[in-house]
Amino acid sequence: MTTFDSSLKELRDLLALISPLSANLGKAADLLESSLKNGGKILICGNGGSAADSAHFATEFTCRFKEDRRPYPALALGVDGGLLTAIGNDYDFRDIFSRQVDAFGKKGDVLIGVTTSGKSRNVLDAMEMGRKREMKTILLSGKGGGFSLGIADVEILVPECSTTARIQEVHGFLLHVLCEELETRLPRE
């Protein structure tokens, strides 16, 4: 079996297990819809590949996904190298997202944290700051959720997988589903 074949089998097997995530994905869509309809914005953060997924999601929201429509306000918190290095240097790497949530987040906004392991302290600290700022929180995780379980209003946990790449692929799929769902719910103008 080739690497392609084994990776494809692993992804297919994982996709067959994620149907139960539909309920929490619907709850996440409800939080995002309510926030955007009431003038809120979306903040999203993650490390490494999850930072790239966060930037991708924010882009789909602010530009467009499938339909030509008004932009939805979404900010990826991992894209400003100057800000990240200043906070990491002057404070701590754990603070790179929580300081931004404190600066930009407000009641009625939604914070999405993405961590394949559930153990990214800077994402978890951001989620705690989101709660302090009275934001709604959504967590996408995997690998059993780590110590992140119970921290968010809505948790979307990729089941029974220890492969980071496959978890990230499912996170990307789920974020795309959220984009598509919200484009059907929100006004185009």
Protein backbone atom coordinates (compact mmCIF):
# COMPACT_ATOMS: atom_id res chain seq x y z
CA MET A 1 0.00 0.00 0.00
CA THR A 2 1.37 3.43 -0.93
CA THR A 3 1.49 6.43 1.38
CA PHE A 4 -1.31 7.95 -0.68
CA ASP A 5 -3.47 4.83 -0.28
CA SER A 6 -2.90 4.55 3.47
CA SER A 7 -3.50 8.28 4.03
CA LEU A 8 -6.67 8.18 1.95
CA LYS A 9 -7.93 5.15 3.89
CA GLU A 10 -7.20 6.87 7.20
CA LEU A 11 -9.04 10.02 6.07
CA ARG A 12 -12.02 8.02 4.75
CA ASP A 13 -12.24 6.07 8.01
CA LEU A 14 -12.13 9.30 9.99
CA LEU A 15 -14.74 11.04 7.83
CA ALA A 16 -17.05 8.07 8.45
CA LEU A 17 -16.88 8.84 12.19
CA ILE A 18 -17.68 12.56 12.19
CA SER A 19 -21.45 12.55 11.58
CA PRO A 20 -22.10 13.00 15.33
CA LEU A 21 -20.26 16.36 15.12
CA SER A 22 -23.22 17.75 13.15
CA ALA A 23 -25.14 18.81 16.28
CA ASN A 24 -22.26 20.84 17.72
CA LEU A 25 -21.42 22.21 14.28
CA GLY A 26 -25.02 23.46 14.13
CA LYS A 27 -24.62 25.08 17.56
CA ALA A 28 -21.41 26.75 16.37
CA ALA A 29 -23.22 28.06 13.29
CA ASP A 30 -26.00 29.41 15.54
CA LEU A 31 -23.46 31.34 17.68
CA LEU A 32 -21.72 32.76 14.60
CA GLU A 33 -25.01 33.72 12.94
CA SER A 34 -26.30 35.46 16.05
CA SER A 35 -23.06 37.38 16.52
CA LEU A 36 -22.84 38.55 12.92
CA LYS A 37 -26.53 39.52 12.76
CA ASN A 38 -26.05 41.62 15.88
CA GLY A 39 -22.95 43.50 14.75
CA GLY A 40 -20.35 41.17 16.25
CA LYS A 41 -17.19 39.78 14.74
CA ILE A 42 -15.28 36.53 14.71
CA LEU A 43 -11.78 36.11 16.14
CA ILE A 44 -9.95 32.85 15.41
CA CYS A 45 -6.61 31.47 16.55
CA GLY A 46 -4.39 28.41 16.39
CA ASN A 47 -0.73 27.45 16.14
CA GLY A 48 1.19 26.17 13.11
CA GLY A 49 -1.15 24.44 10.67
CA SER A 50 -4.08 25.54 12.82
CA ALA A 51 -2.91 29.16 12.44
CA ALA A 52 -2.96 28.66 8.68
CA ASP A 53 -6.47 27.14 8.94
CA SER A 54 -7.52 30.13 11.05
CA ALA A 55 -6.23 32.58 8.44
CA HIS A 56 -7.95 30.59 5.70
CA PHE A 57 -11.27 30.68 7.59
CA ALA A 58 -11.04 34.43 8.24
CA THR A 59 -10.28 34.98 4.56
CA GLU A 60 -13.32 32.96 3.46
CA PHE A 61 -15.49 35.04 5.78
CA THR A 62 -14.13 38.46 4.97
CA CYS A 63 -13.79 37.90 1.22
CA ARG A 64 -16.29 35.22 0.24
CA PHE A 65 -16.66 31.47 0.22
CA LYS A 66 -19.02 30.38 -2.56
CA GLU A 67 -21.37 33.30 -3.04
CA ASP A 68 -20.76 36.93 -3.87
CA ARG A 69 -22.02 38.69 -0.73
CA ARG A 70 -21.16 41.33 1.81
CA PRO A 71 -18.02 40.68 3.87
CA TYR A 72 -18.35 39.20 7.34
CA PRO A 73 -15.93 40.61 9.95
CA ALA A 74 -13.40 37.93 10.90
CA LEU A 75 -9.83 38.29 12.20
CA ALA A 76 -7.16 35.59 12.34
CA LEU A 77 -5.02 36.34 15.39
CA GLY A 78 -1.88 34.58 14.15
CA VAL A 79 -1.06 36.66 11.08
CA ASP A 80 0.72 39.79 12.37
CA GLY A 81 4.35 38.79 12.84
CA GLY A 82 5.32 42.08 14.48
CA LEU A 83 2.53 41.86 17.04
CA LEU A 84 3.13 38.16 17.76
CA THR A 85 6.85 38.64 18.32
CA ALA A 86 6.34 41.76 20.45
CA ILE A 87 3.85 40.02 22.74
CA GLY A 88 5.99 36.85 22.84
CA ASN A 89 9.08 38.89 23.72
CA ASP A 90 7.61 41.51 26.05
CA TYR A 91 5.17 39.15 27.82
CA ASP A 92 5.10 35.45 26.99
CA PHE A 93 4.30 33.19 24.04
CA ARG A 94 1.25 32.02 26.01
CA ASP A 95 -0.12 35.57 25.76
CA ILE A 96 0.06 36.01 21.96
CA PHE A 97 -3.64 35.35 21.46
CA SER A 98 -5.13 36.34 24.83
CA ARG A 99 -3.76 39.91 24.57
CA GLN A 100 -5.33 40.26 21.15
CA VAL A 101 -8.64 38.89 22.43
CA ASP A 102 -8.45 41.42 25.26
CA ALA A 103 -7.73 44.21 22.75
CA PHE A 104 -10.21 43.31 20.00
CA GLY A 105 -12.88 41.11 21.59
CA LYS A 106 -16.13 42.36 23.02
CA LYS A 107 -19.39 40.99 24.32
CA GLY A 108 -21.32 39.56 21.39
CA ASP A 109 -18.23 38.50 19.43
CA VAL A 110 -17.26 34.86 18.89
CA LEU A 111 -13.80 33.40 19.46
CA ILE A 112 -12.85 30.19 17.68
CA GLY A 113 -9.83 28.30 19.01
CA VAL A 114 -8.24 25.57 16.92
CA THR A 115 -5.88 23.05 18.53
CA THR A 116 -5.38 19.54 17.20
CA SER A 117 -4.13 18.28 20.58
CA GLY A 118 -6.28 20.35 22.93
CA LYS A 119 -3.05 21.25 24.71
CA SER A 120 -2.12 24.60 23.16
CA ARG A 121 -1.83 26.81 26.24
CA ASN A 122 -1.94 30.05 24.24
CA VAL A 123 -5.22 28.98 22.58
CA LEU A 124 -6.68 27.95 25.93
CA ASP A 125 -5.60 31.25 27.52
CA ALA A 126 -7.31 33.06 24.63
CA MET A 127 -10.49 31.07 25.30
CA GLU A 128 -10.37 32.07 28.98
CA MET A 129 -9.90 35.72 27.98
CA GLY A 130 -12.85 35.36 25.62
CA ARG A 131 -15.00 34.25 28.53
CA LYS A 132 -13.81 37.25 30.59
CA ARG A 133 -14.74 39.55 27.69
CA GLU A 134 -18.20 37.86 27.61
CA MET A 135 -17.62 36.44 24.15
CA LYS A 136 -19.05 33.14 22.94
CA THR A 137 -16.40 30.50 22.35
CA ILE A 138 -16.01 27.58 19.97
CA LEU A 139 -13.19 25.05 20.20
CA LEU A 140 -12.09 22.69 17.43
CA SER A 141 -9.84 19.99 18.80
CA GLY A 142 -8.74 16.39 18.50
CA LYS A 143 -6.69 13.72 20.29
CA GLY A 144 -9.27 13.40 23.06
CA GLY A 145 -9.42 17.15 23.66
CA GLY A 146 -6.45 17.30 26.02
CA PHE A 147 -7.02 19.67 28.93
CA SER A 148 -9.24 21.89 26.78
CA LEU A 149 -12.41 19.92 27.45
CA GLY A 150 -15.08 22.06 29.09
CA ILE A 151 -13.47 25.40 28.26
CA ALA A 152 -15.72 26.48 25.35
CA ASP A 153 -19.42 27.09 24.83
CA VAL A 154 -19.31 24.68 21.88
CA GLU A 155 -16.69 21.96 21.46
CA ILE A 156 -16.13 20.15 18.18
CA LEU A 157 -13.81 17.25 18.91
CA VAL A 158 -12.52 15.09 16.04
CA PRO A 159 -12.94 11.52 17.33
CA GLU A 160 -10.59 8.55 17.48
CA CYS A 161 -7.61 9.93 15.59
CA SER A 162 -4.05 10.57 16.71
CA THR A 163 -2.69 11.79 13.37
CA THR A 164 -2.30 15.57 13.42
CA ALA A 165 -2.54 15.91 9.63
CA ARG A 166 -5.87 14.02 9.47
CA ILE A 167 -7.30 16.10 12.35
CA GLN A 168 -6.27 19.29 10.53
CA GLU A 169 -7.88 18.03 7.33
CA VAL A 170 -11.14 17.41 9.16
CA HIS A 171 -10.89 20.83 10.85
CA GLY A 172 -10.51 22.39 7.40
CA PHE A 173 -13.59 20.52 6.19
CA LEU A 174 -15.61 21.58 9.24
CA LEU A 175 -14.58 25.23 8.87
CA HIS A 176 -15.64 25.11 5.22
CA VAL A 177 -19.00 23.64 6.25
CA LEU A 178 -19.45 26.55 8.68
CA CYS A 179 -18.65 29.03 5.91
CA GLU A 180 -21.14 27.42 3.57
CA GLU A 181 -23.83 27.19 6.25
CA LEU A 182 -23.49 30.85 7.21
CA GLU A 183 -23.65 31.96 3.60
CA THR A 184 -27.08 30.30 3.43
CA ARG A 185 -28.26 31.92 6.69
CA LEU A 186 -26.97 35.49 6.47
CA PRO A 187 -28.20 38.25 4.16
CA ARG A 188 -26.12 38.78 1.04
CA GLU A 189 -26.37 42.59 1.24
